[in-house]
Full PDB file with SEQRES, HELIX, SHEET, SSBOND, CRYST1, ORIGX, SCALE, CONECT and MASTER records, all heavy atoms in Angstrom:
SEQRES   1 A   41  GLN TYR ARG HIS LEU PRO GLN LEU PRO CYS TRP THR CYS          
SEQRES   2 A   41  ASN THR ASN GLU GLU VAL HIS ASP VAL LEU ARG SER GLY          
SEQRES   3 A   41  LEU ALA GLU SER PRO LEU PHE ASN GLY GLN ILE GLN SER          
SEQRES   4 A   41  THR GLY                                                      
HELIX    1 AA1 GLU A   17  SER A   25  1                                   9    
HELIX    2 AA2 LEU A   27  GLU A   29  5                                   3    
CRYST1    1.000    1.000    1.000  90.00  90.00  90.00 P 1           1          
ORIGX1      1.000000  0.000000  0.000000        0.00000                         
ORIGX2      0.000000  1.000000  0.000000        0.00000                         
ORIGX3      0.000000  0.000000  1.000000        0.00000                         
SCALE1      1.000000  0.000000  0.000000        0.00000                         
SCALE2      0.000000  1.000000  0.000000        0.00000                         
SCALE3      0.000000  0.000000  1.000000        0.00000                         
ATOM      1  N   GLN A   1     -13.476-217.785-163.824  1.00  0.00           N  
ATOM      2  CA  GLN A   1     -13.160-216.369-163.715  1.00  0.00           C  
ATOM      3  C   GLN A   1     -14.387-215.579-163.266  1.00  0.00           C  
ATOM      4  O   GLN A   1     -15.514-216.033-163.364  1.00  0.00           O  
ATOM      5  CB  GLN A   1     -12.689-215.841-165.077  1.00  0.00           C  
ATOM      6  CG  GLN A   1     -11.431-216.516-165.581  1.00  0.00           C  
ATOM      7  CD  GLN A   1     -10.251-216.317-164.637  1.00  0.00           C  
ATOM      8  OE1 GLN A   1      -9.985-215.207-164.193  1.00  0.00           O  
ATOM      9  NE2 GLN A   1      -9.547-217.401-164.335  1.00  0.00           N  
ATOM     10  N   TYR A   2     -14.134-214.368-162.787  1.00  0.00           N  
ATOM     11  CA  TYR A   2     -15.220-213.488-162.376  1.00  0.00           C  
ATOM     12  C   TYR A   2     -16.057-213.064-163.576  1.00  0.00           C  
ATOM     13  O   TYR A   2     -15.642-213.177-164.733  1.00  0.00           O  
ATOM     14  CB  TYR A   2     -14.663-212.245-161.662  1.00  0.00           C  
ATOM     15  CG  TYR A   2     -14.049-212.523-160.310  1.00  0.00           C  
ATOM     16  CD1 TYR A   2     -12.779-212.069-160.004  1.00  0.00           C  
ATOM     17  CD2 TYR A   2     -14.747-213.252-159.356  1.00  0.00           C  
ATOM     18  CE1 TYR A   2     -12.201-212.312-158.768  1.00  0.00           C  
ATOM     19  CE2 TYR A   2     -14.190-213.500-158.115  1.00  0.00           C  
ATOM     20  CZ  TYR A   2     -12.917-213.042-157.817  1.00  0.00           C  
ATOM     21  OH  TYR A   2     -12.363-213.293-156.595  1.00  0.00           O  
ATOM     22  N   ARG A   3     -17.222-212.514-163.291  1.00  0.00           N  
ATOM     23  CA  ARG A   3     -18.115-212.026-164.341  1.00  0.00           C  
ATOM     24  C   ARG A   3     -17.439-210.914-165.151  1.00  0.00           C  
ATOM     25  O   ARG A   3     -16.820-210.023-164.593  1.00  0.00           O  
ATOM     26  CB  ARG A   3     -19.403-211.489-163.700  1.00  0.00           C  
ATOM     27  CG  ARG A   3     -20.156-212.540-162.890  1.00  0.00           C  
ATOM     28  CD  ARG A   3     -21.333-211.945-162.162  1.00  0.00           C  
ATOM     29  NE  ARG A   3     -20.943-211.015-161.109  1.00  0.00           N  
ATOM     30  CZ  ARG A   3     -20.523-211.387-159.898  1.00  0.00           C  
ATOM     31  NH1 ARG A   3     -20.424-212.659-159.606  1.00  0.00           N  
ATOM     32  NH2 ARG A   3     -20.210-210.476-159.002  1.00  0.00           N  
ATOM     33  N   HIS A   4     -17.614-210.951-166.466  1.00  0.00           N  
ATOM     34  CA  HIS A   4     -16.958-209.947-167.297  1.00  0.00           C  
ATOM     35  C   HIS A   4     -17.924-209.174-168.186  1.00  0.00           C  
ATOM     36  O   HIS A   4     -17.529-208.180-168.801  1.00  0.00           O  
ATOM     37  CB  HIS A   4     -15.883-210.599-168.177  1.00  0.00           C  
ATOM     38  CG  HIS A   4     -16.425-211.585-169.165  1.00  0.00           C  
ATOM     39  ND1 HIS A   4     -16.578-212.911-168.878  1.00  0.00           N  
ATOM     40  CD2 HIS A   4     -16.864-211.420-170.441  1.00  0.00           C  
ATOM     41  CE1 HIS A   4     -17.077-213.548-169.925  1.00  0.00           C  
ATOM     42  NE2 HIS A   4     -17.270-212.666-170.884  1.00  0.00           N  
ATOM     43  N   LEU A   5     -19.212-209.602-168.283  1.00  0.00           N  
ATOM     44  CA  LEU A   5     -20.178-208.866-169.090  1.00  0.00           C  
ATOM     45  C   LEU A   5     -20.664-207.625-168.334  1.00  0.00           C  
ATOM     46  O   LEU A   5     -20.594-207.571-167.102  1.00  0.00           O  
ATOM     47  CB  LEU A   5     -21.377-209.758-169.425  1.00  0.00           C  
ATOM     48  CG  LEU A   5     -21.147-210.917-170.390  1.00  0.00           C  
ATOM     49  CD1 LEU A   5     -22.447-211.669-170.621  1.00  0.00           C  
ATOM     50  CD2 LEU A   5     -20.584-210.424-171.715  1.00  0.00           C  
ATOM     51  N   PRO A   6     -21.176-206.625-169.048  1.00  0.00           N  
ATOM     52  CA  PRO A   6     -21.771-205.468-168.361  1.00  0.00           C  
ATOM     53  C   PRO A   6     -22.890-205.919-167.426  1.00  0.00           C  
ATOM     54  O   PRO A   6     -23.695-206.789-167.782  1.00  0.00           O  
ATOM     55  CB  PRO A   6     -22.324-204.625-169.522  1.00  0.00           C  
ATOM     56  CG  PRO A   6     -21.566-205.061-170.718  1.00  0.00           C  
ATOM     57  CD  PRO A   6     -21.222-206.497-170.512  1.00  0.00           C  
ATOM     58  N   GLN A   7     -22.936-205.343-166.235  1.00  0.00           N  
ATOM     59  CA  GLN A   7     -23.944-205.715-165.251  1.00  0.00           C  
ATOM     60  C   GLN A   7     -25.129-204.758-165.347  1.00  0.00           C  
ATOM     61  O   GLN A   7     -24.966-203.537-165.281  1.00  0.00           O  
ATOM     62  CB  GLN A   7     -23.336-205.700-163.852  1.00  0.00           C  
ATOM     63  CG  GLN A   7     -22.179-206.675-163.678  1.00  0.00           C  
ATOM     64  CD  GLN A   7     -22.571-208.129-163.915  1.00  0.00           C  
ATOM     65  OE1 GLN A   7     -23.296-208.723-163.117  1.00  0.00           O  
ATOM     66  NE2 GLN A   7     -22.114-208.704-165.026  1.00  0.00           N  
ATOM     67  N   LEU A   8     -26.329-205.304-165.524  1.00  0.00           N  
ATOM     68  CA  LEU A   8     -27.532-204.527-165.788  1.00  0.00           C  
ATOM     69  C   LEU A   8     -28.507-204.599-164.620  1.00  0.00           C  
ATOM     70  O   LEU A   8     -28.569-205.620-163.933  1.00  0.00           O  
ATOM     71  CB  LEU A   8     -28.223-205.043-167.059  1.00  0.00           C  
ATOM     72  CG  LEU A   8     -27.368-205.106-168.328  1.00  0.00           C  
ATOM     73  CD1 LEU A   8     -28.176-205.678-169.472  1.00  0.00           C  
ATOM     74  CD2 LEU A   8     -26.834-203.729-168.684  1.00  0.00           C  
ATOM     75  N   PRO A   9     -29.306-203.553-164.392  1.00  0.00           N  
ATOM     76  CA  PRO A   9     -30.297-203.610-163.319  1.00  0.00           C  
ATOM     77  C   PRO A   9     -31.553-204.350-163.752  1.00  0.00           C  
ATOM     78  O   PRO A   9     -31.867-204.441-164.947  1.00  0.00           O  
ATOM     79  CB  PRO A   9     -30.606-202.127-163.063  1.00  0.00           C  
ATOM     80  CG  PRO A   9     -30.407-201.487-164.402  1.00  0.00           C  
ATOM     81  CD  PRO A   9     -29.267-202.232-165.046  1.00  0.00           C  
ATOM     82  N   CYS A  10     -32.282-204.884-162.786  1.00  0.00           N  
ATOM     83  CA  CYS A  10     -33.660-205.304-162.981  1.00  0.00           C  
ATOM     84  C   CYS A  10     -34.552-204.185-162.443  1.00  0.00           C  
ATOM     85  O   CYS A  10     -34.068-203.226-161.827  1.00  0.00           O  
ATOM     86  CB  CYS A  10     -33.932-206.619-162.241  1.00  0.00           C  
ATOM     87  SG  CYS A  10     -32.988-208.030-162.887  1.00  0.00           S  
ATOM     88  N   TRP A  11     -35.848-204.281-162.682  1.00  0.00           N  
ATOM     89  CA  TRP A  11     -36.777-203.225-162.294  1.00  0.00           C  
ATOM     90  C   TRP A  11     -38.013-203.847-161.653  1.00  0.00           C  
ATOM     91  O   TRP A  11     -38.441-204.941-162.044  1.00  0.00           O  
ATOM     92  CB  TRP A  11     -37.183-202.390-163.519  1.00  0.00           C  
ATOM     93  CG  TRP A  11     -36.010-201.797-164.228  1.00  0.00           C  
ATOM     94  CD1 TRP A  11     -35.216-202.412-165.157  1.00  0.00           C  
ATOM     95  CD2 TRP A  11     -35.476-200.489-164.039  1.00  0.00           C  
ATOM     96  NE1 TRP A  11     -34.215-201.571-165.568  1.00  0.00           N  
ATOM     97  CE2 TRP A  11     -34.354-200.368-164.908  1.00  0.00           C  
ATOM     98  CE3 TRP A  11     -35.825-199.395-163.250  1.00  0.00           C  
ATOM     99  CZ2 TRP A  11     -33.592-199.225-164.988  1.00  0.00           C  
ATOM    100  CZ3 TRP A  11     -35.066-198.243-163.339  1.00  0.00           C  
ATOM    101  CH2 TRP A  11     -33.968-198.154-164.190  1.00  0.00           C  
ATOM    102  N   THR A  12     -38.584-203.156-160.685  1.00  0.00           N  
ATOM    103  CA  THR A  12     -39.749-203.698-159.976  1.00  0.00           C  
ATOM    104  C   THR A  12     -40.942-202.758-160.114  1.00  0.00           C  
ATOM    105  O   THR A  12     -40.794-201.530-160.207  1.00  0.00           O  
ATOM    106  CB  THR A  12     -39.450-203.897-158.483  1.00  0.00           C  
ATOM    107  OG1 THR A  12     -39.204-202.629-157.873  1.00  0.00           O  
ATOM    108  CG2 THR A  12     -38.246-204.795-158.280  1.00  0.00           C  
ATOM    109  N   CYS A  13     -42.125-203.359-160.149  1.00  0.00           N  
ATOM    110  CA  CYS A  13     -43.383-202.625-160.094  1.00  0.00           C  
ATOM    111  C   CYS A  13     -44.431-203.574-159.515  1.00  0.00           C  
ATOM    112  O   CYS A  13     -44.089-204.669-159.057  1.00  0.00           O  
ATOM    113  CB  CYS A  13     -43.791-202.104-161.475  1.00  0.00           C  
ATOM    114  SG  CYS A  13     -44.044-203.396-162.707  1.00  0.00           S  
ATOM    115  N   ASN A  14     -45.691-203.178-159.537  1.00  0.00           N  
ATOM    116  CA  ASN A  14     -46.751-203.998-158.944  1.00  0.00           C  
ATOM    117  C   ASN A  14     -47.992-203.985-159.823  1.00  0.00           C  
ATOM    118  O   ASN A  14     -48.235-203.028-160.572  1.00  0.00           O  
ATOM    119  CB  ASN A  14     -47.120-203.471-157.548  1.00  0.00           C  
ATOM    120  CG  ASN A  14     -46.002-203.638-156.542  1.00  0.00           C  
ATOM    121  OD1 ASN A  14     -45.787-204.708-156.000  1.00  0.00           O  
ATOM    122  ND2 ASN A  14     -45.280-202.557-156.294  1.00  0.00           N  
ATOM    123  N   THR A  15     -48.766-205.050-159.723  1.00  0.00           N  
ATOM    124  CA  THR A  15     -50.101-205.022-160.310  1.00  0.00           C  
ATOM    125  C   THR A  15     -50.987-204.125-159.440  1.00  0.00           C  
ATOM    126  O   THR A  15     -50.582-203.682-158.363  1.00  0.00           O  
ATOM    127  CB  THR A  15     -50.697-206.426-160.396  1.00  0.00           C  
ATOM    128  OG1 THR A  15     -50.847-206.959-159.064  1.00  0.00           O  
ATOM    129  CG2 THR A  15     -49.811-207.358-161.194  1.00  0.00           C  
ATOM    130  N   ASN A  16     -52.210-203.881-159.892  1.00  0.00           N  
ATOM    131  CA  ASN A  16     -53.164-203.078-159.131  1.00  0.00           C  
ATOM    132  C   ASN A  16     -54.577-203.598-159.388  1.00  0.00           C  
ATOM    133  O   ASN A  16     -54.764-204.566-160.141  1.00  0.00           O  
ATOM    134  CB  ASN A  16     -53.027-201.593-159.488  1.00  0.00           C  
ATOM    135  CG  ASN A  16     -53.124-201.356-160.993  1.00  0.00           C  
ATOM    136  OD1 ASN A  16     -54.052-201.846-161.647  1.00  0.00           O  
ATOM    137  ND2 ASN A  16     -52.162-200.629-161.553  1.00  0.00           N  
ATOM    138  N   GLU A  17     -55.552-202.942-158.804  1.00  0.00           N  
ATOM    139  CA  GLU A  17     -56.926-203.425-158.936  1.00  0.00           C  
ATOM    140  C   GLU A  17     -57.411-203.356-160.383  1.00  0.00           C  
ATOM    141  O   GLU A  17     -58.181-204.207-160.824  1.00  0.00           O  
ATOM    142  CB  GLU A  17     -57.855-202.628-158.017  1.00  0.00           C  
ATOM    143  CG  GLU A  17     -57.882-203.123-156.576  1.00  0.00           C  
ATOM    144  CD  GLU A  17     -58.382-204.569-156.453  1.00  0.00           C  
ATOM    145  OE1 GLU A  17     -59.102-205.040-157.347  1.00  0.00           O  
ATOM    146  OE2 GLU A  17     -58.016-205.234-155.457  1.00  0.00           O  
ATOM    147  N   GLU A  18     -56.985-202.338-161.136  1.00  0.00           N  
ATOM    148  CA  GLU A  18     -57.391-202.264-162.541  1.00  0.00           C  
ATOM    149  C   GLU A  18     -56.853-203.460-163.319  1.00  0.00           C  
ATOM    150  O   GLU A  18     -57.555-204.037-164.166  1.00  0.00           O  
ATOM    151  CB  GLU A  18     -56.881-200.959-163.159  1.00  0.00           C  
ATOM    152  CG  GLU A  18     -57.607-199.706-162.711  1.00  0.00           C  
ATOM    153  CD  GLU A  18     -57.141-198.496-163.501  1.00  0.00           C  
ATOM    154  OE1 GLU A  18     -56.133-197.889-163.085  1.00  0.00           O  
ATOM    155  OE2 GLU A  18     -57.766-198.186-164.536  1.00  0.00           O  
ATOM    156  N   VAL A  19     -55.606-203.823-163.050  1.00  0.00           N  
ATOM    157  CA  VAL A  19     -55.022-205.012-163.686  1.00  0.00           C  
ATOM    158  C   VAL A  19     -55.848-206.239-163.333  1.00  0.00           C  
ATOM    159  O   VAL A  19     -56.199-207.053-164.211  1.00  0.00           O  
ATOM    160  CB  VAL A  19     -53.560-205.206-163.233  1.00  0.00           C  
ATOM    161  CG1 VAL A  19     -52.993-206.503-163.811  1.00  0.00           C  
ATOM    162  CG2 VAL A  19     -52.702-204.021-163.646  1.00  0.00           C  
ATOM    163  N   HIS A  20     -56.176-206.368-162.053  1.00  0.00           N  
ATOM    164  CA  HIS A  20     -56.916-207.541-161.590  1.00  0.00           C  
ATOM    165  C   HIS A  20     -58.311-207.601-162.218  1.00  0.00           C  
ATOM    166  O   HIS A  20     -58.804-208.686-162.557  1.00  0.00           O  
ATOM    167  CB  HIS A  20     -57.019-207.524-160.067  1.00  0.00           C  
ATOM    168  CG  HIS A  20     -55.684-207.620-159.390  1.00  0.00           C  
ATOM    169  ND1 HIS A  20     -55.531-207.628-158.020  1.00  0.00           N  
ATOM    170  CD2 HIS A  20     -54.417-207.717-159.891  1.00  0.00           C  
ATOM    171  CE1 HIS A  20     -54.250-207.716-157.711  1.00  0.00           C  
ATOM    172  NE2 HIS A  20     -53.556-207.768-158.834  1.00  0.00           N  
ATOM    173  N   ASP A  21     -58.944-206.448-162.375  1.00  0.00           N  
ATOM    174  CA  ASP A  21     -60.291-206.432-162.975  1.00  0.00           C  
ATOM    175  C   ASP A  21     -60.250-206.933-164.411  1.00  0.00           C  
ATOM    176  O   ASP A  21     -61.126-207.700-164.850  1.00  0.00           O  
ATOM    177  CB  ASP A  21     -60.862-205.009-162.940  1.00  0.00           C  
ATOM    178  CG  ASP A  21     -61.262-204.563-161.536  1.00  0.00           C  
ATOM    179  OD1 ASP A  21     -61.424-205.441-160.664  1.00  0.00           O  
ATOM    180  OD2 ASP A  21     -61.392-203.342-161.317  1.00  0.00           O  
ATOM    181  N   VAL A  22     -59.231-206.507-165.161  1.00  0.00           N  
ATOM    182  CA  VAL A  22     -59.100-206.979-166.545  1.00  0.00           C  
ATOM    183  C   VAL A  22     -58.877-208.492-166.573  1.00  0.00           C  
ATOM    184  O   VAL A  22     -59.496-209.217-167.366  1.00  0.00           O  
ATOM    185  CB  VAL A  22     -57.938-206.251-167.263  1.00  0.00           C  
ATOM    186  CG1 VAL A  22     -57.692-206.874-168.640  1.00  0.00           C  
ATOM    187  CG2 VAL A  22     -58.234-204.769-167.400  1.00  0.00           C  
ATOM    188  N   LEU A  23     -58.007-208.960-165.706  1.00  0.00           N  
ATOM    189  CA  LEU A  23     -57.717-210.402-165.685  1.00  0.00           C  
ATOM    190  C   LEU A  23     -58.952-211.205-165.276  1.00  0.00           C  
ATOM    191  O   LEU A  23     -59.219-212.265-165.848  1.00  0.00           O  
ATOM    192  CB  LEU A  23     -56.559-210.679-164.725  1.00  0.00           C  
ATOM    193  CG  LEU A  23     -55.178-210.155-165.157  1.00  0.00           C  
ATOM    194  CD1 LEU A  23     -54.163-210.297-164.031  1.00  0.00           C  
ATOM    195  CD2 LEU A  23     -54.680-210.875-166.407  1.00  0.00           C  
ATOM    196  N   ARG A  24     -59.701-210.706-164.295  1.00  0.00           N  
ATOM    197  CA  ARG A  24     -60.911-211.423-163.862  1.00  0.00           C  
ATOM    198  C   ARG A  24     -61.927-211.511-165.004  1.00  0.00           C  
ATOM    199  O   ARG A  24     -62.653-212.511-165.125  1.00  0.00           O  
ATOM    200  CB  ARG A  24     -61.538-210.720-162.653  1.00  0.00           C  
ATOM    201  CG  ARG A  24     -60.737-210.853-161.358  1.00  0.00           C  
ATOM    202  CD  ARG A  24     -61.538-210.338-160.165  1.00  0.00           C  
ATOM    203  NE  ARG A  24     -60.699-210.250-158.970  1.00  0.00           N  
ATOM    204  CZ  ARG A  24     -60.149-209.116-158.533  1.00  0.00           C  
ATOM    205  NH1 ARG A  24     -60.361-207.969-159.182  1.00  0.00           N  
ATOM    206  NH2 ARG A  24     -59.387-209.113-157.460  1.00  0.00           N  
ATOM    207  N   SER A  25     -61.966-210.481-165.836  1.00  0.00           N  
ATOM    208  CA  SER A  25     -62.925-210.493-166.943  1.00  0.00           C  
ATOM    209  C   SER A  25     -62.634-211.611-167.940  1.00  0.00           C  
ATOM    210  O   SER A  25     -63.519-211.999-168.710  1.00  0.00           O  
ATOM    211  CB  SER A  25     -62.917-209.139-167.663  1.00  0.00           C  
ATOM    212  OG  SER A  25     -61.721-208.981-168.435  1.00  0.00           O  
ATOM    213  N   GLY A  26     -61.408-212.108-167.934  1.00  0.00           N  
ATOM    214  CA  GLY A  26     -61.036-213.161-168.879  1.00  0.00           C  
ATOM    215  C   GLY A  26     -60.924-214.541-168.276  1.00  0.00           C  
ATOM    216  O   GLY A  26     -60.529-215.491-168.974  1.00  0.00           O  
ATOM    217  N   LEU A  27     -61.270-214.700-166.991  1.00  0.00           N  
ATOM    218  CA  LEU A  27     -61.103-216.006-166.335  1.00  0.00           C  
ATOM    219  C   LEU A  27     -61.906-217.108-167.017  1.00  0.00           C  
ATOM    220  O   LEU A  27     -61.479-218.267-167.049  1.00  0.00           O  
ATOM    221  CB  LEU A  27     -61.493-215.916-164.859  1.00  0.00           C  
ATOM    222  CG  LEU A  27     -60.457-215.272-163.919  1.00  0.00           C  
ATOM    223  CD1 LEU A  27     -60.991-215.202-162.497  1.00  0.00           C  
ATOM    224  CD2 LEU A  27     -59.144-216.030-163.956  1.00  0.00           C  
ATOM    225  N   ALA A  28     -63.063-216.758-167.562  1.00  0.00           N  
ATOM    226  CA  ALA A  28     -63.887-217.776-168.221  1.00  0.00           C  
ATOM    227  C   ALA A  28     -63.190-218.364-169.440  1.00  0.00           C  
ATOM    228  O   ALA A  28     -63.486-219.485-169.856  1.00  0.00           O  
ATOM    229  CB  ALA A  28     -65.228-217.178-168.622  1.00  0.00           C  
ATOM    230  N   GLU A  29     -62.267-217.612-170.004  1.00  0.00           N  
ATOM    231  CA  GLU A  29     -61.525-218.097-171.174  1.00  0.00           C  
ATOM    232  C   GLU A  29     -60.143-218.635-170.797  1.00  0.00           C  
ATOM    233  O   GLU A  29     -59.360-218.992-171.677  1.00  0.00           O  
ATOM    234  CB  GLU A  29     -61.366-216.969-172.188  1.00  0.00           C  
ATOM    235  CG  GLU A  29     -62.665-216.478-172.791  1.00  0.00           C  
ATOM    236  CD  GLU A  29     -62.407-215.412-173.831  1.00  0.00           C  
ATOM    237  OE1 GLU A  29     -62.072-215.774-174.982  1.00  0.00           O  
ATOM    238  OE2 GLU A  29     -62.536-214.221-173.508  1.00  0.00           O  
ATOM    239  N   SER A  30     -59.827-218.678-169.501  1.00  0.00           N  
ATOM    240  CA  SER A  30     -58.532-219.191-169.072  1.00  0.00           C  
ATOM    241  C   SER A  30     -58.529-220.707-169.120  1.00  0.00           C  
ATOM    242  O   SER A  30     -59.398-221.357-168.519  1.00  0.00           O  
ATOM    243  CB  SER A  30     -58.234-218.724-167.641  1.00  0.00           C  
ATOM    244  OG  SER A  30     -57.124-219.435-167.119  1.00  0.00           O  
ATOM    245  N   PRO A  31     -57.574-221.314-169.816  1.00  0.00           N  
ATOM    246  CA  PRO A  31     -57.537-222.785-169.870  1.00  0.00           C  
ATOM    247  C   PRO A  31     -57.296-223.426-168.511  1.00  0.00           C  
ATOM    248  O   PRO A  31     -57.563-224.614-168.339  1.00  0.00           O  
ATOM    249  CB  PRO A  31     -56.389-223.070-170.839  1.00  0.00           C  
ATOM    250  CG  PRO A  31     -55.584-221.827-170.889  1.00  0.00           C  
ATOM    251  CD  PRO A  31     -56.513-220.692-170.623  1.00  0.00           C  
ATOM    252  N   LEU A  32     -56.813-222.645-167.543  1.00  0.00           N  
ATOM    253  CA  LEU A  32     -56.618-223.188-166.197  1.00  0.00           C  
ATOM    254  C   LEU A  32     -57.929-223.365-165.451  1.00  0.00           C  
ATOM    255  O   LEU A  32     -58.018-224.170-164.519  1.00  0.00           O  
ATOM    256  CB  LEU A  32     -55.699-222.268-165.385  1.00  0.00           C  
ATOM    257  CG  LEU A  32     -54.229-222.214-165.793  1.00  0.00           C  
ATOM    258  CD1 LEU A  32     -53.489-221.186-164.948  1.00  0.00           C  
ATOM    259  CD2 LEU A  32     -53.578-223.577-165.651  1.00  0.00           C  
ATOM    260  N   PHE A  33     -58.948-222.588-165.844  1.00  0.00           N  
ATOM    261  CA  PHE A  33     -60.202-222.597-165.087  1.00  0.00           C  
ATOM    262  C   PHE A  33     -61.419-223.009-165.903  1.00  0.00           C  
ATOM    263  O   PHE A  33     -62.515-223.148-165.349  1.00  0.00           O  
ATOM    264  CB  PHE A  33     -60.436-221.208-164.472  1.00  0.00           C  
ATOM    265  CG  PHE A  33     -59.357-220.801-163.505  1.00  0.00           C  
ATOM    266  CD1 PHE A  33     -58.399-219.869-163.866  1.00  0.00           C  
ATOM    267  CD2 PHE A  33     -59.274-221.376-162.241  1.00  0.00           C  
ATOM    268  CE1 PHE A  33     -57.381-219.504-162.986  1.00  0.00           C  
ATOM    269  CE2 PHE A  33     -58.267-221.020-161.358  1.00  0.00           C  
ATOM    270  CZ  PHE A  33     -57.326-220.084-161.730  1.00  0.00           C  
ATOM    271  N   ASN A  34     -61.261-223.206-167.200  1.00  0.00           N  
ATOM    272  CA  ASN A  34     -62.416-223.646-167.997  1.00  0.00           C  
ATOM    273  C   ASN A  34     -62.382-225.141-168.293  1.00  0.00           C  
ATOM    274  O   ASN A  34     -63.166-225.637-169.105  1.00  0.00           O  
ATOM    275  CB  ASN A  34     -62.511-222.832-169.292  1.00  0.00           C  
ATOM    276  CG  ASN A  34     -61.338-223.088-170.243  1.00  0.00           C  
ATOM    277  OD1 ASN A  34     -60.530-223.982-170.016  1.00  0.00           O  
ATOM    278  ND2 ASN A  34     -61.252-222.293-171.309  1.00  0.00           N  
ATOM    279  N   GLY A  35     -61.448-225.873-167.658  1.00  0.00           N  
ATOM    280  CA  GLY A  35     -61.362-227.319-167.844  1.00  0.00           C  
ATOM    281  C   GLY A  35     -60.470-227.755-168.985  1.00  0.00           C  
ATOM    282  O   GLY A  35     -60.268-228.956-169.203  1.00  0.00           O  
ATOM    283  N   GLN A  36     -59.906-226.796-169.715  1.00  0.00           N  
ATOM    284  CA  GLN A  36     -59.062-227.143-170.865  1.00  0.00           C  
ATOM    285  C   GLN A  36     -57.758-227.797-170.433  1.00  0.00           C  
ATOM    286  O   GLN A  36     -57.264-228.719-171.074  1.00  0.00           O  
ATOM    287  CB  GLN A  36     -58.779-225.863-171.652  1.00  0.00           C  
ATOM    288  CG  GLN A  36     -58.054-226.060-172.958  1.00  0.00           C  
ATOM    289  CD  GLN A  36     -58.018-224.762-173.755  1.00  0.00           C  
ATOM    290  OE1 GLN A  36     -59.036-224.113-173.937  1.00  0.00           O  
ATOM    291  NE2 GLN A  36     -56.838-224.377-174.214  1.00  0.00           N  
ATOM    292  N   ILE A  37     -57.170-227.323-169.319  1.00  0.00           N  
ATOM    293  CA  ILE A  37     -55.955-227.907-168.762  1.00  0.00           C  
ATOM    294  C   ILE A  37     -56.324-228.728-167.543  1.00  0.00           C  
ATOM    295  O   ILE A  37     -56.916-228.213-166.584  1.00  0.00           O  
ATOM    296  CB  ILE A  37     -54.937-226.812-168.380  1.00  0.00           C  
ATOM    297  CG1 ILE A  37     -54.388-226.123-169.638  1.00  0.00           C  
ATOM    298  CG2 ILE A  37     -53.782-227.402-167.572  1.00  0.00           C  
ATOM    299  CD1 ILE A  37     -53.410-224.998-169.351  1.00  0.00           C  
ATOM    300  N   GLN A  38     -56.006-230.003-167.563  1.00  0.00           N  
ATOM    301  CA  GLN A  38     -56.313-230.902-166.453  1.00  0.00           C  
ATOM    302  C   GLN A  38     -55.100-231.204-165.580  1.00  0.00           C  
ATOM    303  O   GLN A  38     -55.235-231.635-164.439  1.00  0.00           O  
ATOM    304  CB  GLN A  38     -56.869-232.231-166.998  1.00  0.00           C  
ATOM    305  CG  GLN A  38     -58.169-232.079-167.777  1.00  0.00           C  
ATOM    306  CD  GLN A  38     -59.347-231.713-166.896  1.00  0.00           C  
ATOM    307  OE1 GLN A  38     -59.402-232.095-165.729  1.00  0.00           O  
ATOM    308  NE2 GLN A  38     -60.286-230.953-167.447  1.00  0.00           N  
ATOM    309  N   SER A  39     -53.910-230.993-166.110  1.00  0.00           N  
ATOM    310  CA  SER A  39     -52.690-231.390-165.400  1.00  0.00           C  
ATOM    311  C   SER A  39     -52.315-230.366-164.336  1.00  0.00           C  
ATOM    312  O   SER A  39     -52.819-229.246-164.308  1.00  0.00           O  
ATOM    313  CB  SER A  39     -51.547-231.582-166.394  1.00  0.00           C  
ATOM    314  OG  SER A  39     -51.456-230.479-167.248  1.00  0.00           O  
ATOM    315  N   THR A  40     -51.383-230.766-163.450  1.00  0.00           N  
ATOM    316  CA  THR A  40     -50.996-229.949-162.298  1.00  0.00           C  
ATOM    317  C   THR A  40     -49.807-229.061-162.639  1.00  0.00           C  
ATOM    318  O   THR A  40     -48.827-229.505-163.219  1.00  0.00           O  
ATOM    319  CB  THR A  40     -50.621-230.855-161.111  1.00  0.00           C  
ATOM    320  OG1 THR A  40     -51.714-231.737-160.850  1.00  0.00           O  
ATOM    321  CG2 THR A  40     -50.338-230.025-159.866  1.00  0.00           C  
ATOM    322  N   GLY A  41     -49.900-227.791-162.228  1.00  0.00           N  
ATOM    323  CA  GLY A  41     -48.824-226.846-162.461  1.00  0.00           C  
ATOM    324  C   GLY A  41     -47.968-226.645-161.231  1.00  0.00           C  
ATOM    325  O   GLY A  41     -48.266-227.170-160.149  1.00  0.00           O  
TER     326      GLY A  41                                                      
MASTER        0    0    0    2    0    0    0    6  325    1    0    4          
END                                                                             
């Protein structure tokens, strides 16, 4: 049968340079880049 639940919207936005600066400040503690995770994503 066709969909019967209420249909809801999704929403879009973007990161920015301030977001990126905060994330870069934590790269040293990222398990992806400090050697903690060795496997492939």
